PDB file of N, CA and C in Angstrom:
ATOM      1  N   MET A   1       1.121  -0.918   0.363  1.00  0.00           N
ATOM      2  CA  MET A   1       0.135   0.014   0.108  1.00  0.00           C
ATOM      3  C   MET A   1       1.057   0.983  -0.023  1.00  0.00           C
ATOM      4  N   ALA A   2       0.388   2.118  -0.776  1.00  0.00           N
ATOM      5  CA  ALA A   2       1.698   2.997  -0.763  1.00  0.00           C
ATOM      6  C   ALA A   2       0.670   4.644  -0.331  1.00  0.00           C
ATOM      7  N   TYR A   3       0.787   5.787   0.641  1.00  0.00           N
ATOM      8  CA  TYR A   3       0.348   6.806   0.925  1.00  0.00           C
ATOM      9  C   TYR A   3       0.726   8.077  -0.401  1.00  0.00           C
ATOM     10  N   GLY A   4       0.104   8.178  -0.561  1.00  0.00           N
ATOM     11  CA  GLY A   4       0.375   9.542  -1.953  1.00  0.00           C
ATOM     12  C   GLY A   4      -0.651  11.215  -1.122  1.00  0.00           C
ATOM     13  N   VAL A   5      -0.472  12.336  -2.315  1.00  0.00           N
ATOM     14  CA  VAL A   5      -1.215  13.060  -1.314  1.00  0.00           C
ATOM     15  C   VAL A   5      -1.967  13.451  -3.749  1.00  0.00           C
ATOM     16  N   TYR A   6      -3.256  13.833  -3.219  1.00  0.00           N
ATOM     17  CA  TYR A   6      -3.859  14.793  -4.084  1.00  0.00           C
ATOM     18  C   TYR A   6      -4.483  13.592  -5.661  1.00  0.00           C
ATOM     19  N   SER A   7      -4.446  12.415  -5.274  1.00  0.00           N
ATOM     20  CA  SER A   7      -4.584  11.967  -7.331  1.00  0.00           C
ATOM     21  C   SER A   7      -5.530  11.878  -7.024  1.00  0.00           C
ATOM     22  N   GLN A   8      -6.100  11.810  -8.676  1.00  0.00           N
ATOM     23  CA  GLN A   8      -7.128  11.768  -9.173  1.00  0.00           C
ATOM     24  C   GLN A   8      -7.879  10.222 -10.136  1.00  0.00           C
ATOM     25  N   ALA A   9      -6.751   9.134  -9.083  1.00  0.00           N
ATOM     26  CA  ALA A   9      -7.147   7.916 -10.050  1.00  0.00           C
ATOM     27  C   ALA A   9      -8.408   7.657  -8.899  1.00  0.00           C
ATOM     28  N   ASP A  10      -9.111   6.047  -9.392  1.00  0.00           N
ATOM     29  CA  ASP A  10     -10.069   5.660  -8.673  1.00  0.00           C
ATOM     30  C   ASP A  10      -9.893   3.995  -9.279  1.00  0.00           C
ATOM     31  N   GLY A  11     -10.352   3.661  -8.502  1.00  0.00           N
ATOM     32  CA  GLY A  11     -10.990   2.441  -9.085  1.00  0.00           C
ATOM     33  C   GLY A  11     -10.968   2.010 -10.603  1.00  0.00           C
ATOM     34  N   VAL A  12     -11.476   2.381 -11.276  1.00  0.00           N
ATOM     35  CA  VAL A  12     -11.696   2.574 -12.808  1.00  0.00           C
ATOM     36  C   VAL A  12     -10.849   3.388 -13.645  1.00  0.00           C
ATOM     37  N   SER A  13     -10.418   4.802 -13.660  1.00  0.00           N
ATOM     38  CA  SER A  13      -9.499   5.854 -14.339  1.00  0.00           C
ATOM     39  C   SER A  13      -8.399   5.885 -14.097  1.00  0.00           C
ATOM     40  N   PRO A  14      -7.437   4.958 -14.107  1.00  0.00           N
ATOM     41  CA  PRO A  14      -5.571   5.170 -13.349  1.00  0.00           C
ATOM     42  C   PRO A  14      -5.262   6.471 -13.721  1.00  0.00           C
ATOM     43  N   TYR A  15      -4.463   6.628 -13.309  1.00  0.00           N
ATOM     44  CA  TYR A  15      -3.956   8.350 -13.217  1.00  0.00           C
ATOM     45  C   TYR A  15      -2.376   8.522 -13.019  1.00  0.00           C
ATOM     46  N   LEU A  16      -1.591   8.833 -14.391  1.00  0.00           N
ATOM     47  CA  LEU A  16       0.050   8.447 -14.505  1.00  0.00           C
ATOM     48  C   LEU A  16       0.736   8.426 -12.895  1.00  0.00           C
ATOM     49  N   LYS A  17       0.412   8.960 -11.939  1.00  0.00           N
ATOM     50  CA  LYS A  17       0.975   8.783 -10.948  1.00  0.00           C
ATOM     51  C   LYS A  17       1.433   7.816 -10.381  1.00  0.00           C
ATOM     52  N   VAL A  18       0.006   6.679 -10.381  1.00  0.00           N
ATOM     53  CA  VAL A  18      -0.201   5.761  -9.606  1.00  0.00           C
ATOM     54  C   VAL A  18       0.083   4.347 -10.947  1.00  0.00           C
ATOM     55  N   THR A  19       0.042   4.803 -11.894  1.00  0.00           N
ATOM     56  CA  THR A  19       0.152   4.329 -12.732  1.00  0.00           C
ATOM     57  C   THR A  19       2.580   3.682 -12.553  1.00  0.00           C
ATOM     58  N   LEU A  20       2.638   5.202 -12.638  1.00  0.00           N
ATOM     59  CA  LEU A  20       3.903   5.237 -12.283  1.00  0.00           C
ATOM     60  C   LEU A  20       4.238   4.352 -11.474  1.00  0.00           C
ATOM     61  N   THR A  21       3.470   4.594 -10.090  1.00  0.00           N
ATOM     62  CA  THR A  21       4.030   4.307  -8.739  1.00  0.00           C
ATOM     63  C   THR A  21       3.802   2.188  -8.874  1.00  0.00           C
ATOM     64  N   ASN A  22       2.555   1.792  -9.575  1.00  0.00           N
ATOM     65  CA  ASN A  22       2.775   0.513  -9.995  1.00  0.00           C
ATOM     66  C   ASN A  22       3.653   0.226 -10.396  1.00  0.00           C
ATOM     67  N   SER A  23       4.481   0.197 -11.419  1.00  0.00           N
ATOM     68  CA  SER A  23       5.090  -0.217 -12.299  1.00  0.00           C
ATOM     69  C   SER A  23       6.652  -0.346 -11.065  1.00  0.00           C
ATOM     70  N   GLN A  24       6.708   1.284 -10.057  1.00  0.00           N
ATOM     71  CA  GLN A  24       7.978   0.526  -9.002  1.00  0.00           C
ATOM     72  C   GLN A  24       7.887  -0.243  -8.336  1.00  0.00           C
ATOM     73  N   TYR A  25       6.851  -0.399  -7.471  1.00  0.00           N
ATOM     74  CA  TYR A  25       6.522  -1.703  -6.882  1.00  0.00           C
ATOM     75  C   TYR A  25       6.420  -3.196  -7.612  1.00  0.00           C
ATOM     76  N   GLN A  26       5.942  -3.317  -8.707  1.00  0.00           N
ATOM     77  CA  GLN A  26       6.500  -4.683  -9.709  1.00  0.00           C
ATOM     78  C   GLN A  26       8.237  -4.553  -9.281  1.00  0.00           C
ATOM     79  N   VAL A  27       9.006  -3.520  -9.562  1.00  0.00           N
ATOM     80  CA  VAL A  27      10.200  -3.998  -9.574  1.00  0.00           C
ATOM     81  C   VAL A  27      10.703  -4.521  -8.422  1.00  0.00           C
ATOM     82  N   THR A  28       9.594  -4.339  -7.172  1.00  0.00           N
ATOM     83  CA  THR A  28      10.416  -4.314  -5.684  1.00  0.00           C
ATOM     84  C   THR A  28       9.915  -5.799  -5.739  1.00  0.00           C
ATOM     85  N   GLY A  29       9.163  -6.650  -6.134  1.00  0.00           N
ATOM     86  CA  GLY A  29       8.621  -7.949  -6.305  1.00  0.00           C
ATOM     87  C   GLY A  29       7.329  -7.989  -6.280  1.00  0.00           C
ATOM     88  N   TYR A  30       6.667  -6.574  -5.433  1.00  0.00           N
ATOM     89  CA  TYR A  30       4.966  -6.944  -5.643  1.00  0.00           C
ATOM     90  C   TYR A  30       4.354  -7.039  -6.545  1.00  0.00           C
ATOM     91  N   GLY A  31       2.620  -7.795  -6.680  1.00  0.00           N
ATOM     92  CA  GLY A  31       2.457  -7.410  -8.351  1.00  0.00           C
ATOM     93  C   GLY A  31       1.523  -6.344  -8.089  1.00  0.00           C
ATOM     94  N   GLY A  32       1.306  -5.170  -7.412  1.00  0.00           N
ATOM     95  CA  GLY A  32       0.095  -4.541  -7.441  1.00  0.00           C
ATOM     96  C   GLY A  32       0.566  -3.313  -6.219  1.00  0.00           C
ATOM     97  N   VAL A  33      -0.433  -2.493  -6.410  1.00  0.00           N
ATOM     98  CA  VAL A  33      -0.790  -1.748  -5.247  1.00  0.00           C
ATOM     99  C   VAL A  33      -1.631  -0.930  -5.027  1.00  0.00           C
ATOM    100  N   TYR A  34      -2.246  -0.709  -3.456  1.00  0.00           N
ATOM    101  CA  TYR A  34      -3.442   0.241  -3.558  1.00  0.00           C
ATOM    102  C   TYR A  34      -3.060   1.774  -3.391  1.00  0.00           C
ATOM    103  N   MET A  35      -3.579   2.730  -3.551  1.00  0.00           N
ATOM    104  CA  MET A  35      -2.614   3.942  -3.402  1.00  0.00           C
ATOM    105  C   MET A  35      -3.881   4.425  -2.267  1.00  0.00           C
ATOM    106  N   ALA A  36      -3.325   5.315  -1.068  1.00  0.00           N
ATOM    107  CA  ALA A  36      -3.916   6.103  -0.658  1.00  0.00           C
ATOM    108  C   ALA A  36      -4.116   7.631  -0.213  1.00  0.00           C
ATOM    109  N   ASN A  37      -4.784   8.237  -0.092  1.00  0.00           N
ATOM    110  CA  ASN A  37      -4.315   9.720  -0.319  1.00  0.00           C
ATOM    111  C   ASN A  37      -4.627  10.491   1.445  1.00  0.00           C
ATOM    112  N   LEU A  38      -3.239  11.284   1.536  1.00  0.00           N
ATOM    113  CA  LEU A  38      -3.204  11.623   3.257  1.00  0.00           C
ATOM    114  C   LEU A  38      -4.716  12.667   3.177  1.00  0.00           C
ATOM    115  N   PHE A  39      -4.890  13.151   2.467  1.00  0.00           N
ATOM    116  CA  PHE A  39      -6.161  13.464   2.133  1.00  0.00           C
ATOM    117  C   PHE A  39      -6.884  13.468   1.274  1.00  0.00           C
ATOM    118  N   ALA A  40      -8.449  13.139   1.781  1.00  0.00           N
ATOM    119  CA  ALA A  40      -9.463  12.997   1.129  1.00  0.00           C
ATOM    120  C   ALA A  40      -9.931  14.329  -0.309  1.00  0.00           C
ATOM    121  N   PHE A  41      -9.664  15.076   0.004  1.00  0.00           N
ATOM    122  CA  PHE A  41      -9.633  16.001  -1.323  1.00  0.00           C
ATOM    123  C   PHE A  41      -8.951  16.111  -2.148  1.00  0.00           C
ATOM    124  N   VAL A  42      -9.959  15.424  -3.571  1.00  0.00           N
ATOM    125  CA  VAL A  42      -9.063  15.451  -4.286  1.00  0.00           C
ATOM    126  C   VAL A  42      -9.234  16.145  -5.766  1.00  0.00           C
ATOM    127  N   HIS A  43      -8.195  16.012  -6.430  1.00  0.00           N
ATOM    128  CA  HIS A  43      -6.940  17.463  -7.018  1.00  0.00           C
ATOM    129  C   HIS A  43      -5.598  17.506  -8.134  1.00  0.00           C
ATOM    130  N   THR A  44      -5.829  17.444  -9.059  1.00  0.00           N
ATOM    131  CA  THR A  44      -4.253  17.190  -9.283  1.00  0.00           C
ATOM    132  C   THR A  44      -3.376  18.266  -9.279  1.00  0.00           C
ATOM    133  N   ASP A  45      -4.305  19.369  -8.730  1.00  0.00           N
ATOM    134  CA  ASP A  45      -3.086  21.100  -8.701  1.00  0.00           C
ATOM    135  C   ASP A  45      -3.470  20.859  -6.887  1.00  0.00           C
ATOM    136  N   ARG A  46      -1.897  20.989  -6.505  1.00  0.00           N
ATOM    137  CA  ARG A  46      -2.064  20.972  -5.010  1.00  0.00           C
ATOM    138  C   ARG A  46      -2.470  22.746  -4.200  1.00  0.00           C
ATOM    139  N   PHE A  47      -2.225  23.448  -4.630  1.00  0.00           N
ATOM    140  CA  PHE A  47      -2.429  24.650  -4.372  1.00  0.00           C
ATOM    141  C   PHE A  47      -4.484  24.460  -4.158  1.00  0.00           C
ATOM    142  N   GLU A  48      -4.228  23.869  -5.270  1.00  0.00           N
ATOM    143  CA  GLU A  48      -6.455  23.977  -4.747  1.00  0.00           C
ATOM    144  C   GLU A  48      -6.364  23.112  -3.782  1.00  0.00           C
ATOM    145  N   MET A  49      -6.000  21.450  -3.460  1.00  0.00           N
ATOM    146  CA  MET A  49      -5.706  20.887  -2.150  1.00  0.00           C
ATOM    147  C   MET A  49      -5.886  21.640  -1.101  1.00  0.00           C
ATOM    148  N   MET A  50      -4.665  22.398  -0.789  1.00  0.00           N
ATOM    149  CA  MET A  50      -4.530  24.043   0.296  1.00  0.00           C
ATOM    150  C   MET A  50      -5.244  24.334   0.241  1.00  0.00           C
ATOM    151  N   LYS A  51      -5.999  24.789  -0.571  1.00  0.00           N
ATOM    152  CA  LYS A  51      -7.313  25.992  -0.829  1.00  0.00           C
ATOM    153  C   LYS A  51      -8.508  25.950   0.216  1.00  0.00           C
ATOM    154  N   ALA A  52      -9.149  23.890  -0.154  1.00  0.00           N
ATOM    155  CA  ALA A  52      -9.669  23.816   0.461  1.00  0.00           C
ATOM    156  C   ALA A  52      -9.997  24.084   1.997  1.00  0.00           C
ATOM    157  N   ALA A  53     -11.438  24.733   2.209  1.00  0.00           N
ATOM    158  CA  ALA A  53     -11.563  24.192   3.886  1.00  0.00           C
ATOM    159  C   ALA A  53     -11.715  23.221   4.469  1.00  0.00           C
ATOM    160  N   ASP A  54     -11.934  22.043   4.011  1.00  0.00           N
ATOM    161  CA  ASP A  54     -11.874  20.418   4.619  1.00  0.00           C
ATOM    162  C   ASP A  54     -11.032  19.585   3.816  1.00  0.00           C
ATOM    163  N   PRO A  55      -9.747  19.933   3.219  1.00  0.00           N
ATOM    164  CA  PRO A  55      -9.681  19.068   2.583  1.00  0.00           C
ATOM    165  C   PRO A  55      -8.689  17.091   3.369  1.00  0.00           C
ATOM    166  N   ILE A  56      -9.251  17.055   4.634  1.00  0.00           N
ATOM    167  CA  ILE A  56      -9.051  15.637   4.889  1.00  0.00           C
ATOM    168  C   ILE A  56      -9.792  14.916   5.252  1.00  0.00           C
ATOM    169  N   GLY A  57     -10.905  15.540   5.396  1.00  0.00           N
ATOM    170  CA  GLY A  57     -12.334  15.244   5.194  1.00  0.00           C
ATOM    171  C   GLY A  57     -12.321  14.603   7.087  1.00  0.00           C
ATOM    172  N   ALA A  58     -13.856  13.762   7.136  1.00  0.00           N
ATOM    173  CA  ALA A  58     -14.130  13.541   8.367  1.00  0.00           C
ATOM    174  C   ALA A  58     -13.625  11.943   8.540  1.00  0.00           C
ATOM    175  N   ASP A  59     -13.157  10.975   7.662  1.00  0.00           N
ATOM    176  CA  ASP A  59     -13.445   9.369   7.402  1.00  0.00           C
ATOM    177  C   ASP A  59     -12.559   9.224   7.151  1.00  0.00           C
ATOM    178  N   ASN A  60     -11.338  10.024   6.780  1.00  0.00           N
ATOM    179  CA  ASN A  60     -10.085   9.539   5.964  1.00  0.00           C
ATOM    180  C   ASN A  60      -9.351   9.212   7.088  1.00  0.00           C
ATOM    181  N   ASP A  61      -9.012   9.229   8.027  1.00  0.00           N
ATOM    182  CA  ASP A  61      -8.317   8.173   8.567  1.00  0.00           C
ATOM    183  C   ASP A  61      -8.698   7.024   8.601  1.00  0.00           C
ATOM    184  N   ARG A  62     -10.343   6.784   9.117  1.00  0.00           N
ATOM    185  CA  ARG A  62     -10.746   5.177   9.193  1.00  0.00           C
ATOM    186  C   ARG A  62     -10.660   4.726   8.044  1.00  0.00           C
ATOM    187  N   HIS A  63     -10.061   5.053   6.645  1.00  0.00           N
ATOM    188  CA  HIS A  63     -10.169   4.748   5.420  1.00  0.00           C
ATOM    189  C   HIS A  63      -8.930   4.153   5.649  1.00  0.00           C
ATOM    190  N   LEU A  64      -7.498   5.097   6.339  1.00  0.00           N
ATOM    191  CA  LEU A  64      -6.469   4.687   5.956  1.00  0.00           C
ATOM    192  C   LEU A  64      -6.238   3.284   6.634  1.00  0.00           C
ATOM    193  N   LEU A  65      -6.620   3.256   7.946  1.00  0.00           N
ATOM    194  CA  LEU A  65      -6.169   2.436   9.184  1.00  0.00           C
ATOM    195  C   LEU A  65      -7.679   1.265   8.321  1.00  0.00           C
ATOM    196  N   GLN A  66      -8.337   1.162   8.174  1.00  0.00           N
ATOM    197  CA  GLN A  66      -8.597   0.057   7.420  1.00  0.00           C
ATOM    198  C   GLN A  66      -7.279  -0.976   5.646  1.00  0.00           C
ATOM    199  N   LEU A  67      -7.353   0.509   5.433  1.00  0.00           N
ATOM    200  CA  LEU A  67      -6.073  -0.348   3.977  1.00  0.00           C
ATOM    201  C   LEU A  67      -4.495  -0.780   5.158  1.00  0.00           C
ATOM    202  N   ILE A  68      -4.215   0.468   5.726  1.00  0.00           N
ATOM    203  CA  ILE A  68      -3.540   0.030   7.006  1.00  0.00           C
ATOM    204  C   ILE A  68      -2.949  -1.647   7.361  1.00  0.00           C
ATOM    205  N   ASP A  69      -4.556  -2.190   7.738  1.00  0.00           N
ATOM    206  CA  ASP A  69      -4.720  -3.219   8.187  1.00  0.00           C
ATOM    207  C   ASP A  69      -4.281  -4.751   7.007  1.00  0.00           C
ATOM    208  N   GLY A  70      -5.233  -4.636   6.503  1.00  0.00           N
ATOM    209  CA  GLY A  70      -4.576  -5.350   5.439  1.00  0.00           C
ATOM    210  C   GLY A  70      -3.642  -5.782   4.272  1.00  0.00           C
ATOM    211  N   ALA A  71      -2.461  -4.256   4.995  1.00  0.00           N
ATOM    212  CA  ALA A  71      -1.403  -4.216   3.769  1.00  0.00           C
ATOM    213  C   ALA A  71      -0.697  -5.479   4.400  1.00  0.00           C
ATOM    214  N   GLY A  72       0.506  -5.636   3.312  1.00  0.00           N
ATOM    215  CA  GLY A  72       1.361  -6.143   3.750  1.00  0.00           C
ATOM    216  C   GLY A  72       3.202  -5.561   4.284  1.00  0.00           C
ATOM    217  N   LEU A  73       3.142  -4.652   2.888  1.00  0.00           N
ATOM    218  CA  LEU A  73       3.963  -3.333   2.531  1.00  0.00           C
ATOM    219  C   LEU A  73       3.209  -2.506   3.167  1.00  0.00           C
ATOM    220  N   ILE A  74       3.862  -1.245   4.020  1.00  0.00           N
ATOM    221  CA  ILE A  74       3.369  -0.347   3.674  1.00  0.00           C
ATOM    222  C   ILE A  74       4.708   0.749   2.750  1.00  0.00           C
ATOM    223  N   VAL A  75       4.279   1.831   1.998  1.00  0.00           N
ATOM    224  CA  VAL A  75       5.155   2.615   1.645  1.00  0.00           C
ATOM    225  C   VAL A  75       4.832   4.095   1.649  1.00  0.00           C
ATOM    226  N   ALA A  76       5.333   4.677   2.012  1.00  0.00           N
ATOM    227  CA  ALA A  76       5.112   6.399   2.149  1.00  0.00           C
ATOM    228  C   ALA A  76       5.895   6.719   0.843  1.00  0.00           C
ATOM    229  N   ALA A  77       4.939   7.706   0.304  1.00  0.00           N
ATOM    230  CA  ALA A  77       5.493   8.506  -0.767  1.00  0.00           C
ATOM    231  C   ALA A  77       4.614   9.605  -1.455  1.00  0.00           C
ATOM    232  N   TRP A  78       4.601  10.758   0.257  1.00  0.00           N
ATOM    233  CA  TRP A  78       3.185  11.512  -0.617  1.00  0.00           C
ATOM    234  C   TRP A  78       3.905  12.979  -0.930  1.00  0.00           C
ATOM    235  N   GLY A  79       4.809  13.262  -0.570  1.00  0.00           N
ATOM    236  CA  GLY A  79       6.139  14.367  -0.950  1.00  0.00           C
ATOM    237  C   GLY A  79       5.772  15.335  -0.661  1.00  0.00           C
ATOM    238  N   ASN A  80       6.595  16.474  -0.056  1.00  0.00           N
ATOM    239  CA  ASN A  80       6.659  17.818   0.617  1.00  0.00           C
ATOM    240  C   ASN A  80       4.877  18.199   1.088  1.00  0.00           C
ATOM    241  N   GLU A  81       3.963  18.345   0.166  1.00  0.00           N
ATOM    242  CA  GLU A  81       3.198  18.914   0.174  1.00  0.00           C
ATOM    243  C   GLU A  81       2.499  17.567   1.607  1.00  0.00           C
ATOM    244  N   GLY A  82       2.463  16.922   2.249  1.00  0.00           N
ATOM    245  CA  GLY A  82       2.182  16.336   2.795  1.00  0.00           C
ATOM    246  C   GLY A  82       2.160  16.846   4.434  1.00  0.00           C
ATOM    247  N   ARG A  83       2.995  18.100   4.410  1.00  0.00           N
ATOM    248  CA  ARG A  83       3.304  18.883   5.395  1.00  0.00           C
ATOM    249  C   ARG A  83       2.188  19.816   5.795  1.00  0.00           C
ATOM    250  N   HIS A  84       1.301  19.716   4.676  1.00  0.00           N
ATOM    251  CA  HIS A  84      -0.132  20.920   3.969  1.00  0.00           C
ATOM    252  C   HIS A  84      -0.716  20.577   6.098  1.00  0.00           C
ATOM    253  N   LEU A  85      -1.118  22.083   6.972  1.00  0.00           N
ATOM    254  CA  LEU A  85      -2.090  21.351   7.796  1.00  0.00           C
ATOM    255  C   LEU A  85      -1.727  20.267   8.559  1.00  0.00           C
ATOM    256  N   LYS A  86       0.061  20.061   8.946  1.00  0.00           N
ATOM    257  CA  LYS A  86       0.722  19.137   9.748  1.00  0.00           C
ATOM    258  C   LYS A  86      -0.137  17.121   9.449  1.00  0.00           C
ATOM    259  N   ARG A  87      -0.341  17.287   8.709  1.00  0.00           N
ATOM    260  CA  ARG A  87      -0.873  16.730   7.964  1.00  0.00           C
ATOM    261  C   ARG A  87      -0.027  14.610   7.774  1.00  0.00           C
ATOM    262  N   SER A  88       1.560  14.710   7.542  1.00  0.00           N
ATOM    263  CA  SER A  88       2.149  13.776   7.484  1.00  0.00           C
ATOM    264  C   SER A  88       2.491  13.437   9.036  1.00  0.00           C
ATOM    265  N   THR A  89       2.363  14.373  10.063  1.00  0.00           N
ATOM    266  CA  THR A  89       2.655  14.209  11.664  1.00  0.00           C
ATOM    267  C   THR A  89       1.701  13.213  12.121  1.00  0.00           C
ATOM    268  N   ALA A  90       0.590  13.468  11.636  1.00  0.00           N
ATOM    269  CA  ALA A  90      -0.624  12.666  12.478  1.00  0.00           C
ATOM    270  C   ALA A  90      -0.870  11.394  11.381  1.00  0.00           C
ATOM    271  N   VAL A  91      -0.565  11.192  10.761  1.00  0.00           N
ATOM    272  CA  VAL A  91      -0.728   9.942   9.525  1.00  0.00           C
ATOM    273  C   VAL A  91       0.384   8.862  10.163  1.00  0.00           C
ATOM    274  N   ARG A  92       2.060   9.915   9.934  1.00  0.00           N
ATOM    275  CA  ARG A  92       2.830   8.441  10.702  1.00  0.00           C
ATOM    276  C   ARG A  92       2.603   8.284  12.390  1.00  0.00           C
ATOM    277  N   GLN A  93       1.612   8.417  12.340  1.00  0.00           N
ATOM    278  CA  GLN A  93       1.292   8.613  13.807  1.00  0.00           C
ATOM    279  C   GLN A  93       0.498   6.764  14.188  1.00  0.00           C
ATOM    280  N   LEU A  94      -0.144   7.309  12.830  1.00  0.00           N
ATOM    281  CA  LEU A  94      -0.893   5.892  11.948  1.00  0.00           C
ATOM    282  C   LEU A  94      -0.014   4.444  12.117  1.00  0.00           C
ATOM    283  N   LEU A  95       1.031   5.116  11.214  1.00  0.00           N
ATOM    284  CA  LEU A  95       2.037   3.973  10.211  1.00  0.00           C
ATOM    285  C   LEU A  95       2.697   2.940  11.619  1.00  0.00           C
ATOM    286  N   PRO A  96       2.796   2.109  11.247  1.00  0.00           N
ATOM    287  CA  PRO A  96       3.438   0.757  12.216  1.00  0.00           C
ATOM    288  C   PRO A  96       4.972   1.673  11.866  1.00  0.00           C
ATOM    289  N   ALA A  97       5.552   0.987  12.404  1.00  0.00           N
ATOM    290  CA  ALA A  97       6.757   1.607  12.591  1.00  0.00           C
ATOM    291  C   ALA A  97       7.739   0.185  10.870  1.00  0.00           C
ATOM    292  N   SER A  98       7.348  -0.895  10.422  1.00  0.00           N
ATOM    293  CA  SER A  98       7.579  -1.041   9.244  1.00  0.00           C
ATOM    294  C   SER A  98       7.503   0.174   8.370  1.00  0.00           C
ATOM    295  N   THR A  99       6.826   0.604   8.440  1.00  0.00           N
ATOM    296  CA  THR A  99       6.585   2.082   6.811  1.00  0.00           C
ATOM    297  C   THR A  99       8.291   2.061   6.342  1.00  0.00           C
ATOM    298  N   MET A 100       7.904   1.443   5.465  1.00  0.00           N
ATOM    299  CA  MET A 100       9.155   2.460   4.047  1.00  0.00           C
ATOM    300  C   MET A 100       8.664   3.447   2.812  1.00  0.00           C
ATOM    301  N   CYS A 101       9.656   3.621   2.746  1.00  0.00           N
ATOM    302  CA  CYS A 101       9.762   4.985   1.435  1.00  0.00           C
ATOM    303  C   CYS A 101      10.783   4.666   0.439  1.00  0.00           C
ATOM    304  N   PHE A 102      10.690   5.628  -0.573  1.00  0.00           N
ATOM    305  CA  PHE A 102      11.984   5.070  -1.425  1.00  0.00           C
ATOM    306  C   PHE A 102      13.018   5.856  -1.153  1.00  0.00           C
ATOM    307  N   VAL A 103      12.850   7.359  -1.292  1.00  0.00           N
ATOM    308  CA  VAL A 103      13.790   8.416  -0.892  1.00  0.00           C
ATOM    309  C   VAL A 103      12.879   9.354   0.310  1.00  0.00           C
ATOM    310  N   LEU A 104      13.679   9.751   1.594  1.00  0.00           N
ATOM    311  CA  LEU A 104      13.692  10.872   1.356  1.00  0.00           C
ATOM    312  C   LEU A 104      13.839  12.087   1.472  1.00  0.00           C
ATOM    313  N   ASN A 105      13.135  13.218   1.440  1.00  0.00           N
ATOM    314  CA  ASN A 105      13.618  14.636   0.836  1.00  0.00           C
ATOM    315  C   ASN A 105      14.609  15.703   1.914  1.00  0.00           C
ATOM    316  N   ALA A 106      14.975  16.162   1.486  1.00  0.00           N
ATOM    317  CA  ALA A 106      15.683  17.247   2.072  1.00  0.00           C
ATOM    318  C   ALA A 106      14.874  17.526   3.246  1.00  0.00           C
ATOM    319  N   THR A 107      13.632  17.372   3.712  1.00  0.00           N
ATOM    320  CA  THR A 107      12.380  17.942   4.427  1.00  0.00           C
ATOM    321  C   THR A 107      12.170  17.085   5.492  1.00  0.00           C
ATOM    322  N   GLY A 108      13.038  15.718   4.423  1.00  0.00           N
ATOM    323  CA  GLY A 108      12.614  14.476   5.806  1.00  0.00           C
ATOM    324  C   GLY A 108      10.678  13.785   5.262  1.00  0.00           C
ATOM    325  N   GLU A 109      10.448  14.790   4.778  1.00  0.00           N
ATOM    326  CA  GLU A 109       9.613  14.066   3.823  1.00  0.00           C
ATOM    327  C   GLU A 109       9.163  12.625   2.561  1.00  0.00           C
ATOM    328  N   PRO A 110       8.799  11.985   3.058  1.00  0.00           N
ATOM    329  CA  PRO A 110       9.077  11.171   1.881  1.00  0.00           C
ATOM    330  C   PRO A 110       9.027  11.230   0.180  1.00  0.00           C
ATOM    331  N   ARG A 111       9.733  10.575  -1.009  1.00  0.00           N
ATOM    332  CA  ARG A 111       9.601  11.683  -2.115  1.00  0.00           C
ATOM    333  C   ARG A 111       8.747  10.966  -3.497  1.00  0.00           C
ATOM    334  N   HIS A 112       7.282  11.829  -3.574  1.00  0.00           N
ATOM    335  CA  HIS A 112       6.409  11.815  -4.237  1.00  0.00           C
ATOM    336  C   HIS A 112       7.107  10.588  -5.785  1.00  0.00           C
ATOM    337  N   PRO A 113       6.358   9.680  -5.872  1.00  0.00           N
ATOM    338  CA  PRO A 113       6.675   8.906  -7.338  1.00  0.00           C
ATOM    339  C   PRO A 113       7.285   9.051  -8.586  1.00  0.00           C
ATOM    340  N   LEU A 114       6.935  10.255  -8.797  1.00  0.00           N
ATOM    341  CA  LEU A 114       6.321  10.898 -10.065  1.00  0.00           C
ATOM    342  C   LEU A 114       7.717  12.078 -10.210  1.00  0.00           C
ATOM    343  N   TYR A 115       8.590  11.787  -8.832  1.00  0.00           N
ATOM    344  CA  TYR A 115      10.094  12.186  -8.946  1.00  0.00           C
ATOM    345  C   TYR A 115      10.887  11.458  -8.270  1.00  0.00           C
ATOM    346  N   MET A 116      10.492  10.038  -8.665  1.00  0.00           N
ATOM    347  CA  MET A 116      12.037   8.816  -8.611  1.00  0.00           C
ATOM    348  C   MET A 116      12.464   8.452  -9.513  1.00  0.00           C
ATOM    349  N   LYS A 117      13.487   7.578  -9.634  1.00  0.00           N
ATOM    350  CA  LYS A 117      13.947   6.696 -11.007  1.00  0.00           C
ATOM    351  C   LYS A 117      13.295   5.519 -10.466  1.00  0.00           C
ATOM    352  N   ASN A 118      13.142   4.702 -11.750  1.00  0.00           N
ATOM    353  CA  ASN A 118      11.959   3.259 -11.854  1.00  0.00           C
ATOM    354  C   ASN A 118      13.806   2.786 -10.657  1.00  0.00           C
ATOM    355  N   ASP A 119      14.581   2.329 -10.330  1.00  0.00           N
ATOM    356  CA  ASP A 119      15.391   1.451  -9.738  1.00  0.00           C
ATOM    357  C   ASP A 119      15.459   2.312  -8.356  1.00  0.00           C
ATOM    358  N   SER A 120      14.935   2.948  -7.661  1.00  0.00           N
ATOM    359  CA  SER A 120      15.292   3.070  -6.646  1.00  0.00           C
ATOM    360  C   SER A 120      14.524   2.128  -5.319  1.00  0.00           C
ATOM    361  N   VAL A 121      14.831   1.895  -4.497  1.00  0.00           N
ATOM    362  CA  VAL A 121      15.336   1.070  -3.312  1.00  0.00           C
ATOM    363  C   VAL A 121      14.216   1.293  -2.168  1.00  0.00           C
ATOM    364  N   LEU A 122      14.325   0.318  -1.636  1.00  0.00           N
ATOM    365  CA  LEU A 122      13.022   0.843  -0.328  1.00  0.00           C
ATOM    366  C   LEU A 122      13.819   0.974   1.034  1.00  0.00           C
ATOM    367  N   ILE A 123      13.740   2.018   1.855  1.00  0.00           N
ATOM    368  CA  ILE A 123      14.787   2.798   2.628  1.00  0.00           C
ATOM    369  C   ILE A 123      13.551   2.593   3.990  1.00  0.00           C
ATOM    370  N   PRO A 124      14.286   2.731   5.414  1.00  0.00           N
ATOM    371  CA  PRO A 124      12.897   3.066   6.273  1.00  0.00           C
ATOM    372  C   PRO A 124      12.334   4.291   6.053  1.00  0.00           C
ATOM    373  N   LEU A 125      11.770   4.743   6.646  1.00  0.00           N
ATOM    374  CA  LEU A 125      10.584   6.136   6.883  1.00  0.00           C
ATOM    375  C   LEU A 125      11.503   6.691   7.858  1.00  0.00           C
ATOM    376  N   SER A 126      11.181   6.116   8.891  1.00  0.00           N
ATOM    377  CA  SER A 126      11.557   6.681  10.185  1.00  0.00           C
ATOM    378  C   SER A 126      13.353   6.346  10.364  1.00  0.00           C
TER     379      SER A 126
END
């Protein structure tokens, strides 16, 4: 399972970032990926997400916890935008210590998949 921000993908319509992410996980030996968003607000423009009155949503944590419960591997990949409203800090408290990422940005946030090479290897998030 991967965590990101502001994707427009759903179960019917793939989105480039999710397609790229799926390829990266297949390289690590996994057959596919469930993609979850830190924010319930869905938009491709991070500035629109940041302007939203309640981008997190009332039920987002509940949905994230359900996905965490069934995941064999959890990979954080939300990029620097995860810092908005200190959301990444809150979500990190939900994640198990075994959570991984591909790259940590200088900010300490896990790099977004769009900005990674396909040969990136998993490292611990913490």
